[in-house]
Amino acid sequence: MNPASSPSILPASDLARFRLAPNPGPMSLDGTNSYLLGGPESASSVVVDPGPLDEQHLLELAGEGSVELILVTHRHADHTAAAARFHELTGAPVRAADARHCHGGHPLVDGETILAAGVELHVIATPGHTSDSLCFHLPGDGRHGSVLTGDTILGRGTTVLDFPDGKLGDYLATLDRLEKLGPATVLPGHGPVLPALDAVVRAYREHRHERLAQIRAAMTELGPGAGVREITDAVYSDIDPAVRPAAENSVAAQLEYIRG
């Protein structure tokens, strides 16, 4: 892959570069990371998560050479809103797990191997954040490979489950699956690159079980009829009001897991 020609395109790993989309916020952290993947001899690239509909962002991505393929990690608008427009700009097909987010391409399938722009990608179904969440494993990216994790693993903080579409049981199974990939570099949808996927997964799992213990304790204290709002007040008493809806969603997902 050619070196970045734009100062806004930054290196992420041996086979990946990224541009930070201009959509910072409580849920998107610094913004969405849109990735360009390509082998050292490739004149084209694969773009993962074109991001929000921002024309300058898309023109910068398209200006890095021919785009061969566009992939989407999951359905949320901060990853998909620009997909149709980026397809128009580049002519490259857009592929996602959900056919509604495909443009000129067909849906991605768990276990599929993609060869494009001089790189090999393995498609991994990773439901939990959303039911359609995918990760992309690049086994040839550096010593331990890399994994584009979308919002399944973030570069900072922890992932919110978009309940009822995203479920905790699915997410815990996803963590088990990702841990088996070992110390791969984490290329997250938001936040900085992380060095070892398996270590991050273990920290995520520990955090989830700590939260489950806190919710069980709150249920015992408040009584079996306690609702989402009361338990959120008890467990997330010091959170920013801007992320209160996400906290309530997380509590709802955990209550379903505990009671179900």
Protein backbone atom coordinates (compact mmCIF):
# COMPACT_ATOMS: atom_id res chain seq x y z
CA MET A 1 0.00 0.00 0.00
CA ASN A 2 1.33 3.42 -0.90
CA PRO A 3 2.31 5.79 1.92
CA ALA A 4 -0.39 8.22 2.95
CA SER A 5 -0.45 11.31 0.73
CA SER A 6 -2.82 13.26 2.98
CA PRO A 7 -1.77 14.38 6.47
CA SER A 8 -5.21 13.29 7.70
CA ILE A 9 -4.52 9.65 6.72
CA LEU A 10 -2.49 8.03 9.50
CA PRO A 11 -0.76 4.65 9.84
CA ALA A 12 -2.44 2.05 12.05
CA SER A 13 -0.54 -1.18 11.27
CA ASP A 14 1.56 -2.73 8.49
CA LEU A 15 -1.47 -3.14 6.22
CA ALA A 16 -3.85 -0.50 7.57
CA ARG A 17 -4.17 3.27 7.61
CA PHE A 18 -7.09 5.30 8.91
CA ARG A 19 -8.81 8.66 8.78
CA LEU A 20 -10.68 9.98 11.78
CA ALA A 21 -14.16 11.14 10.80
CA PRO A 22 -15.31 14.54 12.16
CA ASN A 23 -18.07 13.13 14.40
CA PRO A 24 -16.82 13.19 18.01
CA GLY A 25 -19.34 12.62 20.77
CA PRO A 26 -20.13 10.75 24.00
CA MET A 27 -20.75 7.49 22.11
CA SER A 28 -18.32 7.92 19.20
CA LEU A 29 -15.37 9.10 21.34
CA ASP A 30 -12.98 11.07 19.08
CA GLY A 31 -14.95 10.04 15.99
CA THR A 32 -15.27 7.03 13.69
CA ASN A 33 -12.07 5.44 12.41
CA SER A 34 -12.39 4.77 8.66
CA TYR A 35 -9.72 2.28 7.60
CA LEU A 36 -7.87 1.82 4.32
CA LEU A 37 -6.34 -1.64 3.90
CA GLY A 38 -3.85 -2.67 1.24
CA GLY A 39 -0.76 -4.73 0.60
CA PRO A 40 2.64 -3.06 -0.01
CA GLU A 41 2.45 -3.60 -3.77
CA SER A 42 -1.23 -2.82 -4.18
CA ALA A 43 -2.43 0.30 -6.00
CA SER A 44 -5.94 -0.15 -4.59
CA SER A 45 -7.45 -0.39 -1.13
CA VAL A 46 -10.29 -1.85 0.88
CA VAL A 47 -12.12 0.75 2.97
CA VAL A 48 -13.77 -0.39 6.20
CA ASP A 49 -16.53 1.78 7.69
CA PRO A 50 -16.74 4.91 5.51
CA GLY A 51 -18.42 6.59 8.47
CA PRO A 52 -20.81 9.55 8.66
CA LEU A 53 -21.98 11.45 5.60
CA ASP A 54 -19.23 14.07 5.44
CA GLU A 55 -18.11 14.92 1.91
CA GLN A 56 -14.60 16.07 2.80
CA HIS A 57 -13.99 12.90 4.78
CA LEU A 58 -15.08 10.77 1.83
CA LEU A 59 -13.06 12.75 -0.70
CA GLU A 60 -9.93 12.31 1.45
CA LEU A 61 -10.51 8.54 1.59
CA ALA A 62 -11.22 8.34 -2.15
CA GLY A 63 -8.16 10.46 -2.93
CA GLU A 64 -5.79 7.76 -1.65
CA GLY A 65 -6.08 5.72 -4.86
CA SER A 66 -8.52 3.23 -6.32
CA VAL A 67 -10.99 1.73 -3.84
CA GLU A 68 -11.64 -1.92 -4.66
CA LEU A 69 -14.11 -2.82 -1.95
CA ILE A 70 -16.02 -1.18 0.95
CA LEU A 71 -16.83 -3.19 4.08
CA VAL A 72 -19.11 -2.32 6.99
CA THR A 73 -18.72 -3.67 10.52
CA HIS A 74 -22.31 -3.03 11.65
CA ARG A 75 -25.45 -1.05 11.00
CA HIS A 76 -25.02 2.09 13.14
CA ALA A 77 -25.13 5.36 11.21
CA ASP A 78 -21.72 6.58 12.38
CA HIS A 79 -20.30 3.66 10.36
CA THR A 80 -22.81 3.36 7.50
CA ALA A 81 -24.36 6.75 6.72
CA ALA A 82 -21.76 7.49 4.04
CA ALA A 83 -21.80 4.03 2.45
CA ALA A 84 -24.15 4.80 -0.44
CA ARG A 85 -22.40 8.07 -1.26
CA PHE A 86 -18.96 6.46 -1.07
CA HIS A 87 -20.18 3.76 -3.45
CA GLU A 88 -21.21 6.54 -5.85
CA LEU A 89 -17.84 8.26 -5.55
CA THR A 90 -15.68 5.18 -6.03
CA GLY A 91 -17.81 2.62 -7.85
CA ALA A 92 -16.68 0.04 -5.29
CA PRO A 93 -19.26 -2.40 -3.94
CA VAL A 94 -20.35 -2.05 -0.31
CA ARG A 95 -20.74 -5.27 1.65
CA ALA A 96 -22.20 -5.72 5.13
CA ALA A 97 -23.92 -8.49 7.09
CA ASP A 98 -27.28 -6.78 6.56
CA ALA A 99 -28.39 -6.54 2.93
CA ARG A 100 -29.96 -3.14 3.68
CA HIS A 101 -26.46 -1.69 4.00
CA CYS A 102 -25.07 -3.32 0.86
CA HIS A 103 -24.71 -1.24 -2.31
CA GLY A 104 -23.62 -3.06 -5.46
CA GLY A 105 -22.44 -6.03 -3.37
CA HIS A 106 -23.95 -9.01 -1.57
CA PRO A 107 -24.08 -9.67 2.19
CA LEU A 108 -21.03 -10.88 4.06
CA VAL A 109 -21.04 -14.39 5.53
CA ASP A 110 -19.43 -15.63 8.73
CA GLY A 111 -16.25 -17.55 7.92
CA GLU A 112 -15.86 -15.99 4.47
CA THR A 113 -12.35 -15.21 3.24
CA ILE A 114 -11.87 -12.08 1.14
CA LEU A 115 -8.82 -11.46 -1.05
CA ALA A 116 -8.67 -7.84 -2.20
CA ALA A 117 -6.10 -5.03 -2.53
CA GLY A 118 -3.29 -7.44 -1.72
CA VAL A 119 -4.69 -8.43 1.68
CA GLU A 120 -6.47 -11.48 3.09
CA LEU A 121 -9.43 -10.84 5.39
CA HIS A 122 -11.48 -13.36 7.33
CA VAL A 123 -15.07 -12.38 8.17
CA ILE A 124 -16.09 -13.17 11.76
CA ALA A 125 -19.66 -12.81 13.02
CA THR A 126 -19.43 -11.07 16.41
CA PRO A 127 -22.97 -10.28 17.61
CA GLY A 128 -23.53 -8.52 20.91
CA HIS A 129 -23.06 -4.80 20.32
CA THR A 130 -25.59 -5.31 17.53
CA SER A 131 -26.95 -8.51 16.03
CA ASP A 132 -25.20 -7.79 12.72
CA SER A 133 -21.76 -6.88 14.10
CA LEU A 134 -18.75 -8.26 12.24
CA CYS A 135 -15.00 -8.22 12.81
CA PHE A 136 -12.38 -8.61 10.09
CA HIS A 137 -9.24 -10.63 10.83
CA LEU A 138 -6.07 -9.87 8.84
CA PRO A 139 -3.75 -12.77 9.71
CA GLY A 140 -0.90 -11.36 7.61
CA ASP A 141 -0.86 -7.93 9.22
CA GLY A 142 2.34 -7.92 11.26
CA ARG A 143 3.66 -10.60 13.59
CA HIS A 144 0.35 -11.48 15.24
CA GLY A 145 -2.11 -10.23 12.65
CA SER A 146 -4.75 -7.60 13.29
CA VAL A 147 -8.51 -7.46 13.79
CA LEU A 148 -10.83 -4.63 12.78
CA THR A 149 -13.33 -4.74 15.61
CA GLY A 150 -15.87 -2.01 14.80
CA ASP A 151 -17.68 -1.27 18.06
CA THR A 152 -17.30 -4.80 19.43
CA ILE A 153 -13.98 -3.78 21.03
CA LEU A 154 -13.19 -0.07 21.45
CA GLY A 155 -9.83 1.60 21.77
CA ARG A 156 -10.96 3.27 24.99
CA GLY A 157 -13.70 2.44 27.48
CA THR A 158 -16.13 -0.43 27.02
CA THR A 159 -18.75 -1.36 24.46
CA VAL A 160 -22.45 -0.59 24.85
CA LEU A 161 -24.92 -3.32 23.94
CA ASP A 162 -27.69 -1.97 21.71
CA PHE A 163 -30.39 -3.96 23.49
CA PRO A 164 -32.73 -5.59 22.52
CA ASP A 165 -30.94 -6.04 19.19
CA GLY A 166 -27.64 -6.63 20.99
CA LYS A 167 -27.65 -9.27 23.71
CA LEU A 168 -25.21 -10.01 26.51
CA GLY A 169 -25.20 -13.76 25.99
CA ASP A 170 -24.18 -13.23 22.36
CA TYR A 171 -21.55 -10.71 23.40
CA LEU A 172 -19.92 -13.02 25.95
CA ALA A 173 -19.76 -15.76 23.30
CA THR A 174 -18.19 -13.23 20.91
CA LEU A 175 -15.50 -12.40 23.47
CA ASP A 176 -14.67 -16.10 23.77
CA ARG A 177 -14.32 -16.33 20.00
CA LEU A 178 -12.13 -13.26 19.69
CA GLU A 179 -9.83 -14.33 22.52
CA LYS A 180 -8.81 -17.34 20.44
CA LEU A 181 -7.20 -15.00 17.89
CA GLY A 182 -4.43 -14.30 20.40
CA PRO A 183 -2.39 -11.09 20.70
CA ALA A 184 -3.55 -9.58 17.41
CA THR A 185 -3.43 -5.81 17.00
CA VAL A 186 -6.83 -4.23 17.67
CA LEU A 187 -8.00 -1.77 15.01
CA PRO A 188 -11.16 -0.38 16.67
CA GLY A 189 -14.02 1.60 15.22
CA HIS A 190 -13.42 4.32 17.83
CA GLY A 191 -10.37 5.21 19.90
CA PRO A 192 -6.68 4.29 19.58
CA VAL A 193 -5.11 1.13 18.22
CA LEU A 194 -4.44 -1.47 20.95
CA PRO A 195 -1.59 -4.00 20.97
CA ALA A 196 -3.12 -7.32 22.10
CA LEU A 197 -6.68 -8.47 21.42
CA ASP A 198 -6.65 -11.42 23.85
CA ALA A 199 -5.61 -9.23 26.78
CA VAL A 200 -8.28 -6.64 25.96
CA VAL A 201 -10.92 -9.37 25.70
CA ARG A 202 -10.03 -10.67 29.14
CA ALA A 203 -10.35 -7.16 30.59
CA TYR A 204 -13.72 -6.71 28.84
CA ARG A 205 -14.99 -10.04 30.19
CA GLU A 206 -13.89 -9.18 33.72
CA HIS A 207 -15.68 -5.82 33.48
CA ARG A 208 -18.90 -7.49 32.30
CA HIS A 209 -18.87 -9.94 35.18
CA GLU A 210 -18.19 -7.12 37.66
CA ARG A 211 -21.22 -5.24 36.32
CA LEU A 212 -23.34 -8.39 36.55
CA ALA A 213 -22.32 -8.78 40.18
CA GLN A 214 -23.24 -5.14 40.88
CA ILE A 215 -26.63 -5.57 39.24
CA ARG A 216 -27.35 -8.76 41.16
CA ALA A 217 -26.45 -6.93 44.38
CA ALA A 218 -28.76 -4.04 43.44
CA MET A 219 -31.59 -6.48 42.69
CA THR A 220 -31.12 -8.05 46.11
CA GLU A 221 -31.15 -4.66 47.82
CA LEU A 222 -34.01 -3.16 45.82
CA GLY A 223 -36.11 -6.29 45.51
CA PRO A 224 -36.95 -8.60 42.61
CA GLY A 225 -39.39 -6.12 41.09
CA ALA A 226 -36.78 -3.38 40.63
CA GLY A 227 -36.83 -1.85 37.17
CA VAL A 228 -34.18 -0.60 34.80
CA ARG A 229 -34.27 3.00 36.05
CA GLU A 230 -33.88 2.08 39.73
CA ILE A 231 -31.03 -0.33 39.05
CA THR A 232 -29.31 2.18 36.79
CA ASP A 233 -29.52 4.76 39.58
CA ALA A 234 -27.86 2.29 41.96
CA VAL A 235 -25.15 0.94 39.67
CA TYR A 236 -24.35 3.96 37.48
CA SER A 237 -24.83 6.74 40.02
CA ASP A 238 -21.99 8.96 38.77
CA ILE A 239 -22.30 8.81 34.97
CA ASP A 240 -22.54 11.73 32.58
CA PRO A 241 -26.24 12.42 31.80
CA ALA A 242 -25.33 12.32 28.11
CA VAL A 243 -24.69 8.57 28.32
CA ARG A 244 -27.56 7.75 30.70
CA PRO A 245 -29.66 6.15 27.90
CA ALA A 246 -26.74 3.87 27.05
CA ALA A 247 -26.38 2.88 30.70
CA GLU A 248 -30.08 2.02 30.91
CA ASN A 249 -29.74 -0.04 27.73
CA SER A 250 -26.82 -1.89 29.26
CA VAL A 251 -28.78 -2.60 32.45
CA ALA A 252 -31.73 -3.89 30.41
CA ALA A 253 -29.43 -6.25 28.52
CA GLN A 254 -27.91 -7.54 31.75
CA LEU A 255 -31.31 -8.00 33.42
CA GLU A 256 -32.47 -10.08 30.48
CA TYR A 257 -29.31 -12.20 30.76
CA ILE A 258 -29.76 -12.70 34.52
CA ARG A 259 -33.48 -13.43 34.39
CA GLY A 260 -33.46 -15.39 31.15
